Amino acid sequence: MFVSGGRKRLKIMTKMQVNKDITIRMLETDDAPEVFKLVDDNRAYLRQWLPWLDTVIDAKDSENFIQKNSQQYADKLGFNGVIVFKNRLVGIADSGVSTHA
């Protein structure tokens, strides 16, 4: 990670094989329905950490999230990827870098 113009910038690969069963890869627009289902199925549990959760009401909201994250990655300002376990999407990995000044 390095700082440029007062903002943190990242250089990150688009896919990382953690072990034979786990991969972390870039979010793709096609992931939107599955990301939404994962969020929706775990809404009660996730609500304690994600104050924006109730603004996610359908897969289009997940698609918008993915598009924003693609731009954030293109600008080298952060990375959100999907955690895939045995070919099944099970979560989101966040670089934890804030793009706010």
Protein backbone atom coordinates (compact mmCIF):
# COMPACT_ATOMS: atom_id res chain seq x y z
CA MET A 1 0.00 0.00 0.00
CA PHE A 2 1.21 3.51 -0.71
CA VAL A 3 -0.15 7.03 -0.25
CA SER A 4 -0.60 9.34 -3.20
CA GLY A 5 -2.26 12.73 -3.01
CA GLY A 6 -3.42 12.09 0.53
CA ARG A 7 -5.34 8.94 -0.43
CA LYS A 8 -4.27 5.37 0.14
CA ARG A 9 -3.75 3.40 -3.06
CA LEU A 10 -3.44 -0.36 -3.44
CA LYS A 11 -1.90 -2.74 -5.92
CA ILE A 12 -3.76 -6.02 -5.64
CA MET A 13 -4.04 -9.13 -7.77
CA THR A 14 -7.47 -10.09 -9.08
CA LYS A 15 -7.44 -13.68 -7.78
CA MET A 16 -5.73 -15.43 -4.91
CA GLN A 17 -5.79 -19.18 -4.30
CA VAL A 18 -5.73 -19.55 -0.50
CA ASN A 19 -5.71 -23.35 -0.52
CA LYS A 20 -7.23 -26.14 -2.62
CA ASP A 21 -10.77 -25.23 -1.46
CA ILE A 22 -10.67 -21.44 -0.96
CA THR A 23 -10.20 -18.67 -3.53
CA ILE A 24 -10.60 -14.92 -3.21
CA ARG A 25 -11.33 -13.22 -6.51
CA MET A 26 -12.64 -9.99 -7.96
CA LEU A 27 -16.33 -9.35 -7.70
CA GLU A 28 -18.05 -9.61 -11.07
CA THR A 29 -21.42 -8.22 -12.14
CA ASP A 30 -22.66 -11.79 -12.64
CA ASP A 31 -22.12 -12.34 -8.89
CA ALA A 32 -24.86 -9.83 -7.98
CA PRO A 33 -27.76 -12.30 -7.50
CA GLU A 34 -25.62 -14.63 -5.38
CA VAL A 35 -24.15 -11.73 -3.35
CA PHE A 36 -27.66 -10.42 -2.71
CA LYS A 37 -28.91 -13.86 -1.63
CA LEU A 38 -25.95 -14.28 0.72
CA VAL A 39 -26.62 -10.86 2.29
CA ASP A 40 -30.37 -11.40 2.45
CA ASP A 41 -30.07 -14.88 3.99
CA ASN A 42 -27.76 -13.50 6.70
CA ARG A 43 -29.37 -10.08 7.18
CA ALA A 44 -30.22 -10.45 10.87
CA TYR A 45 -26.67 -11.54 11.73
CA LEU A 46 -24.91 -8.96 9.53
CA ARG A 47 -27.01 -5.98 10.65
CA GLN A 48 -24.88 -5.46 13.80
CA TRP A 49 -21.79 -4.65 11.65
CA LEU A 50 -23.24 -3.21 8.46
CA PRO A 51 -25.28 -0.05 9.09
CA TRP A 52 -26.07 0.28 5.36
CA LEU A 53 -27.60 -3.19 5.16
CA ASP A 54 -31.23 -2.06 5.03
CA THR A 55 -30.50 -0.04 1.86
CA VAL A 56 -29.82 -3.33 0.03
CA ILE A 57 -33.27 -4.46 -1.05
CA ASP A 58 -32.64 -6.39 -4.28
CA ALA A 59 -29.96 -7.82 -6.57
CA LYS A 60 -29.73 -4.49 -8.44
CA ASP A 61 -28.33 -2.93 -5.24
CA SER A 62 -25.68 -5.65 -5.14
CA GLU A 63 -24.90 -5.00 -8.80
CA ASN A 64 -24.44 -1.28 -8.04
CA PHE A 65 -22.11 -2.21 -5.16
CA ILE A 66 -20.05 -4.40 -7.51
CA GLN A 67 -19.83 -1.65 -10.14
CA LYS A 68 -18.68 0.90 -7.55
CA ASN A 69 -16.08 -1.54 -6.29
CA SER A 70 -14.85 -2.20 -9.81
CA GLN A 71 -14.25 1.53 -10.21
CA GLN A 72 -12.59 1.72 -6.79
CA TYR A 73 -10.25 -1.09 -7.84
CA ALA A 74 -9.55 0.54 -11.23
CA ASP A 75 -8.60 3.73 -9.35
CA LYS A 76 -6.34 1.61 -7.09
CA LEU A 77 -8.28 2.75 -4.03
CA GLY A 78 -9.36 -0.60 -2.66
CA PHE A 79 -10.51 -4.12 -3.31
CA ASN A 80 -13.60 -6.10 -2.44
CA GLY A 81 -13.59 -9.68 -3.60
CA VAL A 82 -15.68 -12.75 -3.18
CA ILE A 83 -14.59 -15.62 -0.98
CA VAL A 84 -15.28 -18.86 -2.80
CA PHE A 85 -15.24 -22.14 -0.85
CA LYS A 86 -15.50 -25.35 -2.88
CA ASN A 87 -16.91 -23.38 -5.85
CA ARG A 88 -19.57 -21.68 -3.71
CA LEU A 89 -19.62 -17.96 -2.89
CA VAL A 90 -19.55 -17.69 0.91
CA GLY A 91 -18.53 -14.11 1.68
CA ILE A 92 -16.89 -10.82 0.77
CA ALA A 93 -13.28 -9.88 1.49
CA ASP A 94 -12.70 -6.14 1.98
CA SER A 95 -9.28 -4.46 1.75
CA GLY A 96 -10.36 -2.20 4.59
CA VAL A 97 -9.00 0.92 2.90
CA SER A 98 -11.22 3.93 3.27
CA THR A 99 -11.63 6.17 0.24
CA HIS A 100 -12.88 9.03 2.41
CA ALA A 101 -10.51 11.91 3.12
